[in-house]
């Protein structure tokens, strides 16, 4: 007898820049919490909650989130690495 397909939870991937300058790529956020009026602001809350749980289990303090961007967007590159043109103007 054939099985029913399992329900799949869809995820959206985010790149996170922390206040200490570190970067974590491809953080998974359930897609059903995104959208609406808040847009990606709900993703920040989910990621901060994930970080709090990780910090609690590891015994290290959590680092604050500076910014989040969907994985694959160009904005993250400008946040971490300035362009050659920006470097030349300094």
Protein backbone atom coordinates (compact mmCIF):
# COMPACT_ATOMS: atom_id res chain seq x y z
CA UNK A 1 0.00 0.00 0.00
CA UNK A 2 1.38 3.41 -0.95
CA UNK A 3 2.24 5.91 1.73
CA UNK A 4 1.00 9.44 1.85
CA UNK A 5 3.73 11.96 1.17
CA UNK A 6 4.99 13.60 4.32
CA UNK A 7 4.23 17.25 4.81
CA UNK A 8 7.29 19.33 4.12
CA UNK A 9 8.19 22.45 5.96
CA UNK A 10 9.59 24.97 3.53
CA UNK A 11 12.49 27.14 4.69
CA UNK A 12 13.94 30.44 3.56
CA UNK A 13 17.68 30.90 3.98
CA UNK A 14 19.20 34.03 5.51
CA UNK A 15 22.73 35.35 5.94
CA UNK A 16 23.28 36.96 9.33
CA UNK A 17 25.88 39.58 10.26
CA UNK A 18 26.56 39.85 13.98
CA UNK A 19 27.68 42.89 15.98
CA UNK A 20 31.19 41.45 16.37
CA UNK A 21 31.54 41.32 12.55
CA UNK A 22 31.10 37.57 12.18
CA UNK A 23 28.89 36.14 9.44
CA UNK A 24 26.70 33.05 9.46
CA UNK A 25 25.31 31.90 6.13
CA UNK A 26 22.21 29.92 5.25
CA UNK A 27 20.34 30.19 8.54
CA UNK A 28 17.00 28.41 8.06
CA UNK A 29 13.75 30.17 8.90
CA UNK A 30 10.35 28.52 8.31
CA UNK A 31 8.70 30.25 5.34
CA UNK A 32 5.30 30.33 7.00
CA UNK A 33 6.48 32.96 9.54
CA UNK A 34 7.57 35.33 6.75
CA UNK A 35 5.39 37.67 4.77
CA UNK A 36 2.55 39.85 5.89
CA UNK A 37 3.19 43.39 7.02
CA UNK A 38 6.39 42.57 8.90
CA UNK A 39 8.16 41.01 5.92
CA UNK A 40 11.56 39.68 6.96
CA UNK A 41 11.40 41.27 10.43
CA UNK A 42 9.85 38.04 11.72
CA UNK A 43 12.95 36.18 10.50
CA UNK A 44 15.12 38.30 12.77
CA UNK A 45 13.06 37.26 15.80
CA UNK A 46 13.28 33.58 14.82
CA UNK A 47 17.06 33.79 14.30
CA UNK A 48 17.57 35.61 17.62
CA UNK A 49 15.53 32.89 19.36
CA UNK A 50 17.65 30.19 17.70
CA UNK A 51 20.81 32.01 18.85
CA UNK A 52 19.48 32.27 22.39
CA UNK A 53 18.83 28.52 22.53
CA UNK A 54 22.26 27.74 21.07
CA UNK A 55 23.96 30.09 23.57
CA UNK A 56 22.03 28.56 26.45
CA UNK A 57 23.07 25.03 25.49
CA UNK A 58 26.71 25.93 24.82
CA UNK A 59 27.14 28.15 27.86
CA UNK A 60 28.49 31.09 25.84
CA UNK A 61 26.85 34.50 25.63
CA UNK A 62 24.82 35.26 22.51
CA UNK A 63 26.12 37.95 20.16
CA UNK A 64 23.63 40.54 18.94
CA UNK A 65 22.38 40.46 15.36
CA UNK A 66 23.49 43.48 13.33
CA UNK A 67 21.64 42.72 10.09
CA UNK A 68 20.01 39.91 8.14
CA UNK A 69 19.62 39.43 4.40
CA UNK A 70 18.14 36.65 2.32
CA UNK A 71 20.88 34.32 1.10
CA UNK A 72 22.02 35.17 -2.39
CA UNK A 73 21.23 38.89 -2.15
CA UNK A 74 23.95 41.39 -3.02
CA UNK A 75 23.35 43.50 0.10
CA UNK A 76 25.33 41.19 2.35
CA UNK A 77 28.47 41.60 0.24
CA UNK A 78 28.37 45.38 0.63
CA UNK A 79 27.94 45.03 4.39
CA UNK A 80 30.96 42.78 4.81
CA UNK A 81 33.26 43.75 1.95
CA UNK A 82 33.36 47.26 0.53
CA UNK A 83 33.65 47.50 -3.24
CA UNK A 84 36.90 48.47 -4.95
CA UNK A 85 35.40 51.85 -5.78
CA UNK A 86 34.63 52.47 -2.10
CA UNK A 87 38.17 51.46 -1.13
CA UNK A 88 39.70 53.76 -3.77
CA UNK A 89 37.76 56.78 -2.47
CA UNK A 90 39.30 56.43 1.04
